[in-house]
Amino acid sequence: MSQSPTLMRETSGFRPDINALRAAAVLIVTLYHFGVPGFVGGFIGVDVFFVISGYLMTRIVFDAHDRGHFSVGAFYWARAKRIVPALLALCVGLIVIGYVLLLPSDYRLLGKHGLSSLAFFSNLVYFGEAGYFDIASHEKWFLHTWSLSVEWQFYVAFPLLMVLVLRYVPRQRWLVLFIASTLASFLWNVYLTAYQPSAAFFMLPSRAWEMLAGGVVLLLS
């Protein structure tokens, strides 16, 4: 079975500079969570990762479109192949460990969080529970998957919207559209941060500006 054009482009379009930036983002988030002095703002690595993700997803869509092979199904399949196996291994591993170490009530909560992670709506679950920076939140083994859920929700919506953009919006207006969408999401984030900070943190509409900003970077490059 041959690779889809999207998969072929991802394989041939490896960027060592972006990979290094990804590694740096992961490192500073990890150091933040381990309480290493000097990294109290390390959670910004998540924001960097969102921008990188938006850049890469926009490039994949535009490259496939330019080659005449853009497919929403192929886009979803490529994302699933990259994300689901590792996520499944993580969830199974933690569920097994939790069975040995946790009390029944805590284990039931772990199972709920694991299922929400696999279904890519853990950000919604954690929004309904304690805030990300609460002490109790650091005891939630799957808490870090909230960002993956936000990304996946973006991956679901983005190619569907891009089908309309590619079909009905002239190419010379793509940058304006991306900038306007980025600003709208950013302003929504600013508003929610003042009134509902947990929603601003966990929800896609107030986070989408970071991934859309990656698209702006691509279009300006």
N, C-alpha and C. Protein backbone atom coordinates (compact mmCIF):
# COMPACT_ATOMS: atom_id res chain seq x y z
N MET A 1 0.85 -1.20 0.00
CA MET A 1 0.00 0.00 0.00
C MET A 1 0.88 1.25 0.00
N SER A 2 0.68 2.15 -0.97
CA SER A 2 1.51 3.33 -1.07
C SER A 2 1.07 4.38 -0.05
N GLN A 3 2.01 5.27 0.29
CA GLN A 3 1.70 6.33 1.21
C GLN A 3 0.81 7.37 0.55
N SER A 4 -0.02 8.03 1.36
CA SER A 4 -0.81 9.14 0.85
C SER A 4 0.16 10.29 0.54
N PRO A 5 -0.24 11.21 -0.36
CA PRO A 5 0.63 12.36 -0.64
C PRO A 5 0.97 13.16 0.61
N THR A 6 0.01 13.28 1.53
CA THR A 6 0.27 14.03 2.76
C THR A 6 1.37 13.37 3.56
N LEU A 7 1.29 12.05 3.69
CA LEU A 7 2.31 11.33 4.44
C LEU A 7 3.66 11.44 3.76
N MET A 8 3.67 11.37 2.43
CA MET A 8 4.93 11.49 1.70
C MET A 8 5.54 12.86 1.93
N ARG A 9 4.70 13.89 1.93
CA ARG A 9 5.22 15.24 2.12
C ARG A 9 5.78 15.41 3.53
N GLU A 10 5.08 14.83 4.53
CA GLU A 10 5.57 14.94 5.89
C GLU A 10 6.92 14.25 6.04
N THR A 11 7.08 13.12 5.36
CA THR A 11 8.33 12.37 5.45
C THR A 11 9.48 13.14 4.80
N SER A 12 9.20 13.73 3.62
CA SER A 12 10.26 14.41 2.89
C SER A 12 10.52 15.82 3.39
N GLY A 13 9.57 16.37 4.16
CA GLY A 13 9.70 17.75 4.58
C GLY A 13 10.24 17.90 5.99
N PHE A 14 11.08 17.00 6.42
CA PHE A 14 11.63 17.06 7.78
C PHE A 14 12.42 18.34 7.97
N ARG A 15 12.18 19.02 9.08
CA ARG A 15 12.86 20.27 9.40
C ARG A 15 13.60 20.12 10.71
N PRO A 16 14.93 19.97 10.68
CA PRO A 16 15.69 19.80 11.93
C PRO A 16 15.58 21.00 12.85
N ASP A 17 15.44 22.21 12.29
CA ASP A 17 15.31 23.39 13.14
C ASP A 17 14.01 23.37 13.94
N ILE A 18 12.92 22.95 13.28
CA ILE A 18 11.64 22.86 13.97
C ILE A 18 11.67 21.73 14.99
N ASN A 19 12.34 20.64 14.65
CA ASN A 19 12.44 19.53 15.60
C ASN A 19 13.22 19.96 16.85
N ALA A 20 14.25 20.77 16.66
CA ALA A 20 15.02 21.27 17.80
C ALA A 20 14.17 22.20 18.66
N LEU A 21 13.36 23.02 18.01
CA LEU A 21 12.47 23.92 18.76
C LEU A 21 11.43 23.13 19.54
N ARG A 22 10.92 22.07 18.95
CA ARG A 22 10.00 21.18 19.66
C ARG A 22 10.67 20.61 20.91
N ALA A 23 11.88 20.12 20.74
CA ALA A 23 12.60 19.52 21.86
C ALA A 23 12.81 20.54 22.98
N ALA A 24 13.15 21.77 22.61
CA ALA A 24 13.34 22.82 23.62
C ALA A 24 12.04 23.11 24.35
N ALA A 25 10.93 23.14 23.61
CA ALA A 25 9.63 23.40 24.23
C ALA A 25 9.27 22.30 25.23
N VAL A 26 9.49 21.05 24.84
CA VAL A 26 9.21 19.92 25.74
C VAL A 26 10.10 19.99 26.97
N LEU A 27 11.36 20.34 26.77
CA LEU A 27 12.31 20.38 27.88
C LEU A 27 11.91 21.42 28.93
N ILE A 28 11.55 22.63 28.49
CA ILE A 28 11.24 23.66 29.48
C ILE A 28 9.94 23.37 30.21
N VAL A 29 8.98 22.72 29.53
CA VAL A 29 7.75 22.31 30.23
C VAL A 29 8.07 21.24 31.27
N THR A 30 8.92 20.28 30.90
CA THR A 30 9.31 19.23 31.83
C THR A 30 10.02 19.80 33.05
N LEU A 31 10.94 20.71 32.82
CA LEU A 31 11.67 21.32 33.93
C LEU A 31 10.73 22.13 34.83
N TYR A 32 9.74 22.77 34.23
CA TYR A 32 8.75 23.51 35.01
C TYR A 32 7.98 22.57 35.94
N HIS A 33 7.53 21.44 35.39
CA HIS A 33 6.73 20.51 36.18
C HIS A 33 7.55 19.84 37.29
N PHE A 34 8.85 19.74 37.11
CA PHE A 34 9.70 19.18 38.15
C PHE A 34 10.18 20.25 39.13
N GLY A 35 9.70 21.47 38.96
CA GLY A 35 10.02 22.53 39.90
C GLY A 35 11.45 23.00 39.88
N VAL A 36 12.11 22.87 38.74
CA VAL A 36 13.52 23.29 38.64
C VAL A 36 13.58 24.82 38.73
N PRO A 37 14.42 25.37 39.60
CA PRO A 37 14.53 26.83 39.74
C PRO A 37 14.87 27.50 38.42
N GLY A 38 14.23 28.64 38.18
CA GLY A 38 14.48 29.38 36.95
C GLY A 38 13.53 29.03 35.83
N PHE A 39 12.63 28.07 36.04
CA PHE A 39 11.71 27.65 34.99
C PHE A 39 10.25 27.79 35.42
N VAL A 40 9.97 28.80 36.25
CA VAL A 40 8.60 29.00 36.72
C VAL A 40 7.65 29.36 35.57
N GLY A 41 8.20 29.88 34.48
CA GLY A 41 7.39 30.19 33.31
C GLY A 41 7.53 29.15 32.21
N GLY A 42 7.98 27.96 32.59
CA GLY A 42 8.24 26.92 31.59
C GLY A 42 7.02 26.43 30.85
N PHE A 43 5.82 26.70 31.40
CA PHE A 43 4.60 26.26 30.72
C PHE A 43 4.42 26.94 29.36
N ILE A 44 5.21 27.99 29.10
CA ILE A 44 5.13 28.65 27.80
C ILE A 44 5.54 27.70 26.67
N GLY A 45 6.24 26.62 27.03
CA GLY A 45 6.59 25.63 26.02
C GLY A 45 5.38 25.06 25.32
N VAL A 46 4.25 24.96 26.03
CA VAL A 46 3.01 24.48 25.41
C VAL A 46 2.57 25.45 24.32
N ASP A 47 2.66 26.75 24.60
CA ASP A 47 2.29 27.76 23.61
C ASP A 47 3.17 27.67 22.37
N VAL A 48 4.47 27.47 22.60
CA VAL A 48 5.40 27.31 21.48
C VAL A 48 5.02 26.08 20.65
N PHE A 49 4.67 25.01 21.33
CA PHE A 49 4.31 23.77 20.64
C PHE A 49 3.05 23.99 19.80
N PHE A 50 2.08 24.74 20.31
CA PHE A 50 0.86 25.02 19.56
C PHE A 50 1.18 25.80 18.28
N VAL A 51 2.07 26.78 18.36
CA VAL A 51 2.43 27.56 17.17
C VAL A 51 3.12 26.66 16.15
N ILE A 52 4.04 25.83 16.61
CA ILE A 52 4.71 24.90 15.70
C ILE A 52 3.71 23.99 15.02
N SER A 53 2.77 23.47 15.80
CA SER A 53 1.75 22.56 15.25
C SER A 53 0.93 23.25 14.18
N GLY A 54 0.52 24.49 14.45
CA GLY A 54 -0.25 25.23 13.45
C GLY A 54 0.54 25.48 12.18
N TYR A 55 1.81 25.78 12.33
CA TYR A 55 2.68 25.99 11.18
C TYR A 55 2.75 24.73 10.31
N LEU A 56 2.98 23.60 10.97
CA LEU A 56 3.14 22.35 10.22
C LEU A 56 1.84 21.91 9.58
N MET A 57 0.72 22.05 10.30
CA MET A 57 -0.56 21.62 9.75
C MET A 57 -0.95 22.49 8.55
N THR A 58 -0.69 23.78 8.64
CA THR A 58 -1.01 24.66 7.52
C THR A 58 -0.13 24.31 6.32
N ARG A 59 1.13 24.03 6.56
CA ARG A 59 2.03 23.66 5.47
C ARG A 59 1.58 22.37 4.79
N ILE A 60 1.16 21.40 5.60
CA ILE A 60 0.69 20.13 5.05
C ILE A 60 -0.51 20.34 4.14
N VAL A 61 -1.46 21.14 4.61
CA VAL A 61 -2.67 21.38 3.82
C VAL A 61 -2.35 22.13 2.53
N PHE A 62 -1.56 23.19 2.63
CA PHE A 62 -1.25 23.99 1.45
C PHE A 62 -0.40 23.22 0.44
N ASP A 63 0.58 22.47 0.94
CA ASP A 63 1.41 21.69 0.03
C ASP A 63 0.59 20.65 -0.71
N ALA A 64 -0.29 19.96 0.03
CA ALA A 64 -1.14 18.95 -0.61
C ALA A 64 -2.08 19.60 -1.63
N HIS A 65 -2.60 20.76 -1.29
CA HIS A 65 -3.48 21.47 -2.22
C HIS A 65 -2.74 21.87 -3.48
N ASP A 66 -1.53 22.39 -3.34
CA ASP A 66 -0.75 22.81 -4.49
C ASP A 66 -0.41 21.63 -5.40
N ARG A 67 -0.31 20.45 -4.83
CA ARG A 67 -0.03 19.25 -5.62
C ARG A 67 -1.30 18.61 -6.16
N GLY A 68 -2.45 19.16 -5.77
CA GLY A 68 -3.73 18.64 -6.24
C GLY A 68 -4.18 17.38 -5.56
N HIS A 69 -3.68 17.13 -4.32
CA HIS A 69 -3.98 15.87 -3.65
C HIS A 69 -4.52 16.06 -2.24
N PHE A 70 -5.04 17.23 -1.90
CA PHE A 70 -5.50 17.44 -0.53
C PHE A 70 -6.73 16.59 -0.25
N SER A 71 -6.66 15.84 0.85
CA SER A 71 -7.76 14.96 1.27
C SER A 71 -7.94 15.08 2.77
N VAL A 72 -9.16 15.40 3.20
CA VAL A 72 -9.45 15.49 4.64
C VAL A 72 -9.23 14.14 5.30
N GLY A 73 -9.66 13.07 4.64
CA GLY A 73 -9.48 11.74 5.20
C GLY A 73 -8.01 11.39 5.39
N ALA A 74 -7.18 11.70 4.40
CA ALA A 74 -5.74 11.43 4.50
C ALA A 74 -5.11 12.26 5.62
N PHE A 75 -5.57 13.48 5.78
CA PHE A 75 -5.08 14.34 6.85
C PHE A 75 -5.37 13.72 8.21
N TYR A 76 -6.62 13.29 8.41
CA TYR A 76 -7.00 12.66 9.68
C TYR A 76 -6.20 11.38 9.92
N TRP A 77 -6.05 10.59 8.89
CA TRP A 77 -5.35 9.32 9.04
C TRP A 77 -3.88 9.53 9.41
N ALA A 78 -3.26 10.51 8.78
CA ALA A 78 -1.86 10.81 9.09
C ALA A 78 -1.71 11.27 10.54
N ARG A 79 -2.63 12.11 11.02
CA ARG A 79 -2.58 12.57 12.41
C ARG A 79 -2.78 11.41 13.37
N ALA A 80 -3.75 10.54 13.07
CA ALA A 80 -4.04 9.41 13.95
C ALA A 80 -2.85 8.45 14.03
N LYS A 81 -2.19 8.20 12.91
CA LYS A 81 -1.05 7.29 12.91
C LYS A 81 0.11 7.83 13.74
N ARG A 82 0.24 9.14 13.78
CA ARG A 82 1.34 9.74 14.53
C ARG A 82 1.04 9.83 16.02
N ILE A 83 -0.23 9.99 16.38
CA ILE A 83 -0.58 10.30 17.75
C ILE A 83 -1.12 9.11 18.54
N VAL A 84 -2.05 8.37 17.95
CA VAL A 84 -2.81 7.37 18.72
C VAL A 84 -1.94 6.24 19.27
N PRO A 85 -1.01 5.64 18.52
CA PRO A 85 -0.24 4.53 19.10
C PRO A 85 0.52 4.91 20.36
N ALA A 86 1.21 6.04 20.34
CA ALA A 86 1.96 6.46 21.53
C ALA A 86 1.02 6.80 22.68
N LEU A 87 -0.09 7.46 22.37
CA LEU A 87 -1.05 7.83 23.41
C LEU A 87 -1.67 6.58 24.02
N LEU A 88 -2.00 5.60 23.19
CA LEU A 88 -2.57 4.36 23.69
C LEU A 88 -1.60 3.63 24.61
N ALA A 89 -0.33 3.58 24.22
CA ALA A 89 0.69 2.93 25.05
C ALA A 89 0.82 3.63 26.39
N LEU A 90 0.80 4.96 26.38
CA LEU A 90 0.87 5.72 27.63
C LEU A 90 -0.32 5.41 28.52
N CYS A 91 -1.51 5.44 27.96
CA CYS A 91 -2.72 5.22 28.75
C CYS A 91 -2.75 3.81 29.34
N VAL A 92 -2.43 2.83 28.54
CA VAL A 92 -2.42 1.45 29.04
C VAL A 92 -1.39 1.30 30.15
N GLY A 93 -0.19 1.86 29.94
CA GLY A 93 0.86 1.76 30.94
C GLY A 93 0.45 2.38 32.27
N LEU A 94 -0.13 3.58 32.23
CA LEU A 94 -0.53 4.24 33.47
C LEU A 94 -1.71 3.54 34.14
N ILE A 95 -2.61 3.00 33.35
CA ILE A 95 -3.74 2.25 33.92
C ILE A 95 -3.23 1.01 34.66
N VAL A 96 -2.25 0.33 34.10
CA VAL A 96 -1.68 -0.85 34.75
C VAL A 96 -0.97 -0.47 36.04
N ILE A 97 -0.17 0.59 35.99
CA ILE A 97 0.53 1.04 37.18
C ILE A 97 -0.46 1.50 38.25
N GLY A 98 -1.49 2.21 37.82
CA GLY A 98 -2.50 2.69 38.76
C GLY A 98 -3.24 1.58 39.46
N TYR A 99 -3.44 0.47 38.76
CA TYR A 99 -4.13 -0.68 39.35
C TYR A 99 -3.36 -1.20 40.56
N VAL A 100 -2.05 -1.08 40.51
CA VAL A 100 -1.21 -1.57 41.60
C VAL A 100 -1.08 -0.54 42.72
N LEU A 101 -1.03 0.74 42.38
CA LEU A 101 -0.66 1.76 43.35
C LEU A 101 -1.83 2.53 43.95
N LEU A 102 -2.95 2.64 43.25
CA LEU A 102 -4.01 3.55 43.67
C LEU A 102 -5.13 2.87 44.44
N LEU A 103 -5.80 3.66 45.26
CA LEU A 103 -7.02 3.22 45.92
C LEU A 103 -8.14 3.12 44.89
N PRO A 104 -9.17 2.32 45.16
CA PRO A 104 -10.25 2.14 44.16
C PRO A 104 -10.87 3.44 43.67
N SER A 105 -11.13 4.40 44.58
CA SER A 105 -11.75 5.66 44.16
C SER A 105 -10.82 6.44 43.24
N ASP A 106 -9.54 6.46 43.59
CA ASP A 106 -8.56 7.16 42.74
C ASP A 106 -8.38 6.45 41.41
N TYR A 107 -8.48 5.13 41.43
CA TYR A 107 -8.31 4.36 40.21
C TYR A 107 -9.47 4.59 39.24
N ARG A 108 -10.67 4.73 39.78
CA ARG A 108 -11.83 5.03 38.92
C ARG A 108 -11.65 6.39 38.25
N LEU A 109 -11.14 7.36 39.00
CA LEU A 109 -10.89 8.67 38.41
C LEU A 109 -9.80 8.60 37.35
N LEU A 110 -8.78 7.79 37.61
CA LEU A 110 -7.72 7.60 36.62
C LEU A 110 -8.28 7.01 35.33
N GLY A 111 -9.18 6.04 35.47
CA GLY A 111 -9.80 5.44 34.29
C GLY A 111 -10.61 6.45 33.49
N LYS A 112 -11.34 7.30 34.21
CA LYS A 112 -12.10 8.36 33.54
C LYS A 112 -11.19 9.30 32.77
N HIS A 113 -10.10 9.68 33.40
CA HIS A 113 -9.16 10.58 32.74
C HIS A 113 -8.48 9.90 31.55
N GLY A 114 -8.17 8.62 31.69
CA GLY A 114 -7.53 7.90 30.59
C GLY A 114 -8.44 7.80 29.38
N LEU A 115 -9.72 7.49 29.62
CA LEU A 115 -10.67 7.39 28.51
C LEU A 115 -10.87 8.74 27.83
N SER A 116 -10.94 9.80 28.63
CA SER A 116 -11.12 11.13 28.03
C SER A 116 -9.89 11.53 27.22
N SER A 117 -8.71 11.07 27.63
CA SER A 117 -7.50 11.34 26.87
C SER A 117 -7.53 10.63 25.53
N LEU A 118 -7.93 9.37 25.53
CA LEU A 118 -7.99 8.60 24.29
C LEU A 118 -9.06 9.13 23.34
N ALA A 119 -10.12 9.70 23.90
CA ALA A 119 -11.19 10.26 23.08
C ALA A 119 -10.95 11.73 22.74
N PHE A 120 -9.85 12.29 23.22
CA PHE A 120 -9.43 13.66 22.92
C PHE A 120 -10.42 14.72 23.40
N PHE A 121 -10.94 14.52 24.61
CA PHE A 121 -11.72 15.58 25.23
C PHE A 121 -11.31 15.78 26.68
N SER A 122 -10.09 15.40 27.02
CA SER A 122 -9.64 15.54 28.40
C SER A 122 -9.58 17.00 28.83
N ASN A 123 -9.36 17.92 27.89
CA ASN A 123 -9.36 19.34 28.25
C ASN A 123 -10.72 19.76 28.81
N LEU A 124 -11.80 19.19 28.28
CA LEU A 124 -13.14 19.51 28.76
C LEU A 124 -13.36 18.93 30.16
N VAL A 125 -12.82 17.74 30.39
CA VAL A 125 -12.94 17.10 31.71
C VAL A 125 -12.19 17.91 32.76
N TYR A 126 -10.98 18.30 32.45
CA TYR A 126 -10.19 19.05 33.43
C TYR A 126 -10.73 20.46 33.64
N PHE A 127 -11.36 21.02 32.62
CA PHE A 127 -12.02 22.31 32.79
C PHE A 127 -13.12 22.22 33.85
N GLY A 128 -13.81 21.09 33.88
CA GLY A 128 -14.88 20.91 34.85
C GLY A 128 -14.39 20.53 36.24
N GLU A 129 -13.09 20.29 36.35
CA GLU A 129 -12.51 19.92 37.66
C GLU A 129 -11.64 21.07 38.16
N ALA A 130 -10.64 20.76 38.95
CA ALA A 130 -9.79 21.80 39.52
C ALA A 130 -8.98 22.48 38.43
N GLY A 131 -8.55 23.71 38.69
CA GLY A 131 -7.72 24.45 37.75
C GLY A 131 -6.36 23.78 37.57
N TYR A 132 -5.74 24.08 36.46
CA TYR A 132 -4.47 23.45 36.10
C TYR A 132 -3.39 23.69 37.14
N PHE A 133 -3.39 24.86 37.76
CA PHE A 133 -2.33 25.21 38.68
C PHE A 133 -2.67 24.86 40.13
N ASP A 134 -3.84 24.25 40.37
CA ASP A 134 -4.17 23.82 41.72
C ASP A 134 -3.27 22.66 42.12
N ILE A 135 -3.02 22.53 43.42
CA ILE A 135 -2.15 21.45 43.89
C ILE A 135 -2.73 20.09 43.51
N ALA A 136 -4.05 19.94 43.62
CA ALA A 136 -4.68 18.66 43.31
C ALA A 136 -4.45 18.26 41.86
N SER A 137 -4.34 19.23 40.97
CA SER A 137 -4.18 18.93 39.56
C SER A 137 -2.87 18.20 39.28
N HIS A 138 -1.85 18.46 40.07
CA HIS A 138 -0.56 17.82 39.83
C HIS A 138 -0.58 16.34 40.21
N GLU A 139 -1.66 15.89 40.82
CA GLU A 139 -1.80 14.48 41.13
C GLU A 139 -2.56 13.72 40.05
N LYS A 140 -2.97 14.41 39.02
CA LYS A 140 -3.70 13.80 37.92
C LYS A 140 -2.71 13.33 36.86
N TRP A 141 -2.60 12.04 36.71
CA TRP A 141 -1.54 11.47 35.88
C TRP A 141 -1.69 11.82 34.40
N PHE A 142 -2.91 12.05 33.95
CA PHE A 142 -3.14 12.33 32.53
C PHE A 142 -3.32 13.81 32.24
N LEU A 143 -3.03 14.66 33.21
CA LEU A 143 -3.32 16.08 33.05
C LEU A 143 -2.66 16.67 31.80
N HIS A 144 -1.44 16.23 31.51
CA HIS A 144 -0.72 16.80 30.38
C HIS A 144 -1.39 16.55 29.04
N THR A 145 -2.35 15.60 28.99
CA THR A 145 -3.00 15.30 27.72
C THR A 145 -4.03 16.35 27.32
N TRP A 146 -4.28 17.33 28.21
CA TRP A 146 -5.25 18.38 27.84
C TRP A 146 -4.81 19.10 26.56
N SER A 147 -3.50 19.35 26.44
CA SER A 147 -3.01 20.08 25.27
C SER A 147 -3.14 19.23 24.00
N LEU A 148 -2.96 17.93 24.13
CA LEU A 148 -3.13 17.04 22.99
C LEU A 148 -4.58 17.03 22.53
N SER A 149 -5.51 17.08 23.50
CA SER A 149 -6.93 17.13 23.15
C SER A 149 -7.25 18.42 22.40
N VAL A 150 -6.70 19.54 22.86
CA VAL A 150 -6.91 20.81 22.16
C VAL A 150 -6.37 20.73 20.74
N GLU A 151 -5.17 20.18 20.60
CA GLU A 151 -4.59 20.04 19.26
C GLU A 151 -5.45 19.16 18.37
N TRP A 152 -5.92 18.04 18.90
CA TRP A 152 -6.72 17.13 18.08
C TRP A 152 -8.01 17.80 17.64
N GLN A 153 -8.65 18.55 18.53
CA GLN A 153 -9.87 19.27 18.17
C GLN A 153 -9.59 20.28 17.06
N PHE A 154 -8.42 20.90 17.11
CA PHE A 154 -8.01 21.79 16.03
C PHE A 154 -7.81 21.00 14.75
N TYR A 155 -7.17 19.84 14.85
CA TYR A 155 -6.94 19.00 13.67
C TYR A 155 -8.24 18.58 13.01
N VAL A 156 -9.28 18.36 13.81
CA VAL A 156 -10.58 17.95 13.26
C VAL A 156 -11.23 19.11 12.51
N ALA A 157 -11.21 20.30 13.11
CA ALA A 157 -11.91 21.44 12.51
C ALA A 157 -11.13 22.08 11.37
N PHE A 158 -9.81 22.16 11.51
CA PHE A 158 -8.99 22.93 10.58
C PHE A 158 -9.11 22.47 9.12
N PRO A 159 -8.95 21.18 8.80
CA PRO A 159 -9.02 20.80 7.39
C PRO A 159 -10.41 21.01 6.78
N LEU A 160 -11.45 20.87 7.60
CA LEU A 160 -12.81 21.10 7.09
C LEU A 160 -12.98 22.56 6.72
N LEU A 161 -12.49 23.45 7.56
CA LEU A 161 -12.55 24.87 7.25
C LEU A 161 -11.67 25.22 6.06
N MET A 162 -10.52 24.55 5.97
CA MET A 162 -9.61 24.84 4.87
C MET A 162 -10.18 24.41 3.53
N VAL A 163 -11.03 23.40 3.50
CA VAL A 163 -11.70 23.02 2.25
C VAL A 163 -12.47 24.20 1.70
N LEU A 164 -13.18 24.91 2.59
CA LEU A 164 -13.94 26.09 2.17
C LEU A 164 -13.02 27.23 1.75
N VAL A 165 -11.95 27.43 2.53
CA VAL A 165 -11.01 28.51 2.22
C VAL A 165 -10.36 28.28 0.86
N LEU A 166 -9.88 27.07 0.64
CA LEU A 166 -9.18 26.77 -0.61
C LEU A 166 -10.11 26.88 -1.81
N ARG A 167 -11.39 26.62 -1.59
CA ARG A 167 -12.33 26.64 -2.71
C ARG A 167 -12.89 28.03 -2.99
N TYR A 168 -13.12 28.81 -1.96
CA TYR A 168 -13.87 30.05 -2.15
C TYR A 168 -13.08 31.34 -1.87
N VAL A 169 -11.93 31.24 -1.22
CA VAL A 169 -11.18 32.44 -0.88
C VAL A 169 -9.97 32.56 -1.81
N PRO A 170 -9.82 33.68 -2.50
CA PRO A 170 -8.65 33.86 -3.37
C PRO A 170 -7.35 33.76 -2.58
N ARG A 171 -6.33 33.24 -3.22
CA ARG A 171 -5.05 33.00 -2.55
C ARG A 171 -4.46 34.26 -1.93
N GLN A 172 -4.63 35.39 -2.58
CA GLN A 172 -4.05 36.63 -2.09
C GLN A 172 -4.72 37.13 -0.80
N ARG A 173 -5.84 36.51 -0.43
CA ARG A 173 -6.54 36.91 0.78
C ARG A 173 -6.34 35.92 1.93
N TRP A 174 -5.59 34.88 1.70
CA TRP A 174 -5.40 33.88 2.76
C TRP A 174 -4.72 34.48 3.98
N LEU A 175 -3.70 35.28 3.77
CA LEU A 175 -2.98 35.87 4.90
C LEU A 175 -3.90 36.76 5.73
N VAL A 176 -4.70 37.58 5.06
CA VAL A 176 -5.63 38.46 5.78
C VAL A 176 -6.60 37.63 6.60
N LEU A 177 -7.10 36.55 6.03
CA LEU A 177 -8.04 35.69 6.74
C LEU A 177 -7.40 35.06 7.97
N PHE A 178 -6.17 34.58 7.83
CA PHE A 178 -5.47 33.96 8.96
C PHE A 178 -5.20 34.99 10.06
N ILE A 179 -4.78 36.19 9.66
CA ILE A 179 -4.50 37.22 10.66
C ILE A 179 -5.77 37.61 11.40
N ALA A 180 -6.87 37.79 10.66
CA ALA A 180 -8.14 38.17 11.29
C ALA A 180 -8.62 37.09 12.25
N SER A 181 -8.50 35.82 11.85
CA SER A 181 -8.92 34.72 12.71
C SER A 181 -8.05 34.62 13.96
N THR A 182 -6.75 34.84 13.77
CA THR A 182 -5.82 34.81 14.90
C THR A 182 -6.16 35.91 15.91
N LEU A 183 -6.41 37.11 15.42
CA LEU A 183 -6.74 38.23 16.30
C LEU A 183 -8.06 37.99 17.02
N ALA A 184 -9.04 37.44 16.33
CA ALA A 184 -10.34 37.18 16.95
C ALA A 184 -10.20 36.19 18.10
N SER A 185 -9.47 35.11 17.88
CA SER A 185 -9.26 34.12 18.93
C SER A 185 -8.44 34.69 20.08
N PHE A 186 -7.43 35.49 19.74
CA PHE A 186 -6.59 36.09 20.78
C PHE A 186 -7.40 37.05 21.66
N LEU A 187 -8.23 37.87 21.06
CA LEU A 187 -9.05 38.80 21.83
C LEU A 187 -10.05 38.05 22.70
N TRP A 188 -10.57 36.95 22.19
CA TRP A 188 -11.46 36.11 22.99
C TRP A 188 -10.72 35.53 24.18
N ASN A 189 -9.47 35.14 23.97
CA ASN A 189 -8.63 34.63 25.05
C ASN A 189 -8.42 35.69 26.12
N VAL A 190 -8.12 36.92 25.69
CA VAL A 190 -7.90 38.01 26.64
C VAL A 190 -9.16 38.28 27.47
N TYR A 191 -10.30 38.27 26.81
CA TYR A 191 -11.57 38.50 27.51
C TYR A 191 -11.83 37.39 28.51
N LEU A 192 -11.70 36.13 28.09
CA LEU A 192 -11.99 35.01 28.99
C LEU A 192 -11.00 34.94 30.15
N THR A 193 -9.76 35.33 29.91
CA THR A 193 -8.77 35.29 30.97
C THR A 193 -9.19 36.17 32.15
N ALA A 194 -9.87 37.26 31.85
CA ALA A 194 -10.31 38.18 32.91
C ALA A 194 -11.52 37.64 33.67
N TYR A 195 -12.37 36.86 33.00
CA TYR A 195 -13.64 36.45 33.61
C TYR A 195 -13.74 34.95 33.88
N GLN A 196 -13.17 34.14 32.99
CA GLN A 196 -13.21 32.69 33.15
C GLN A 196 -11.83 32.12 32.77
N PRO A 197 -10.85 32.30 33.62
CA PRO A 197 -9.47 31.91 33.26
C PRO A 197 -9.32 30.43 32.94
N SER A 198 -10.08 29.57 33.61
CA SER A 198 -9.97 28.14 33.31
C SER A 198 -10.44 27.84 31.89
N ALA A 199 -11.52 28.49 31.47
CA ALA A 199 -12.00 28.31 30.10
C ALA A 199 -10.99 28.83 29.10
N ALA A 200 -10.39 29.97 29.42
CA ALA A 200 -9.38 30.53 28.52
C ALA A 200 -8.20 29.58 28.37
N PHE A 201 -7.88 28.87 29.43
CA PHE A 201 -6.73 27.98 29.42
C PHE A 201 -7.01 26.69 28.66
N PHE A 202 -8.18 26.10 28.89
CA PHE A 202 -8.44 24.74 28.41
C PHE A 202 -9.19 24.65 27.07
N MET A 203 -9.88 25.68 26.65
CA MET A 203 -10.80 25.55 25.52
C MET A 203 -10.16 25.92 24.18
N LEU A 204 -10.55 25.23 23.14
CA LEU A 204 -10.00 25.46 21.81
C LEU A 204 -10.23 26.87 21.28
N PRO A 205 -11.44 27.44 21.37
CA PRO A 205 -11.63 28.78 20.77
C PRO A 205 -10.66 29.83 21.31
N SER A 206 -10.29 29.73 22.59
CA SER A 206 -9.36 30.70 23.16
C SER A 206 -7.90 30.27 23.01
N ARG A 207 -7.67 29.09 22.49
CA ARG A 207 -6.31 28.60 22.22
C ARG A 207 -5.97 28.56 20.74
N ALA A 208 -7.00 28.62 19.90
CA ALA A 208 -6.79 28.45 18.46
C ALA A 208 -5.86 29.50 17.88
N TRP A 209 -5.81 30.69 18.49
CA TRP A 209 -4.97 31.76 17.95
C TRP A 209 -3.51 31.37 17.87
N GLU A 210 -3.07 30.51 18.79
CA GLU A 210 -1.66 30.11 18.78
C GLU A 210 -1.36 29.22 17.57
N MET A 211 -2.27 28.30 17.26
CA MET A 211 -2.08 27.44 16.10
C MET A 211 -2.29 28.21 14.80
N LEU A 212 -3.26 29.13 14.81
CA LEU A 212 -3.47 29.98 13.64
C LEU A 212 -2.27 30.90 13.41
N ALA A 213 -1.62 31.31 14.49
CA ALA A 213 -0.43 32.14 14.35
C ALA A 213 0.67 31.38 13.62
N GLY A 214 0.71 30.06 13.81
CA GLY A 214 1.67 29.26 13.06
C GLY A 214 1.38 29.34 11.57
N GLY A 215 0.09 29.36 11.21
CA GLY A 215 -0.28 29.53 9.80
C GLY A 215 0.14 30.89 9.27
N VAL A 216 0.01 31.92 10.09
CA VAL A 216 0.44 33.26 9.68
C VAL A 216 1.95 33.26 9.42
N VAL A 217 2.70 32.61 10.30
CA VAL A 217 4.16 32.53 10.12
C VAL A 217 4.49 31.86 8.79
N LEU A 218 3.77 30.77 8.49
CA LEU A 218 4.01 30.07 7.22
C LEU A 218 3.74 30.98 6.03
N LEU A 219 2.63 31.69 6.05
CA LEU A 219 2.25 32.53 4.93
C LEU A 219 3.18 33.73 4.76
N LEU A 220 3.82 34.14 5.84
CA LEU A 220 4.75 35.25 5.77
C LEU A 220 6.17 34.80 5.40
N SER A 221 6.42 33.50 5.46
CA SER A 221 7.77 33.00 5.19
C SER A 221 8.01 32.73 3.72
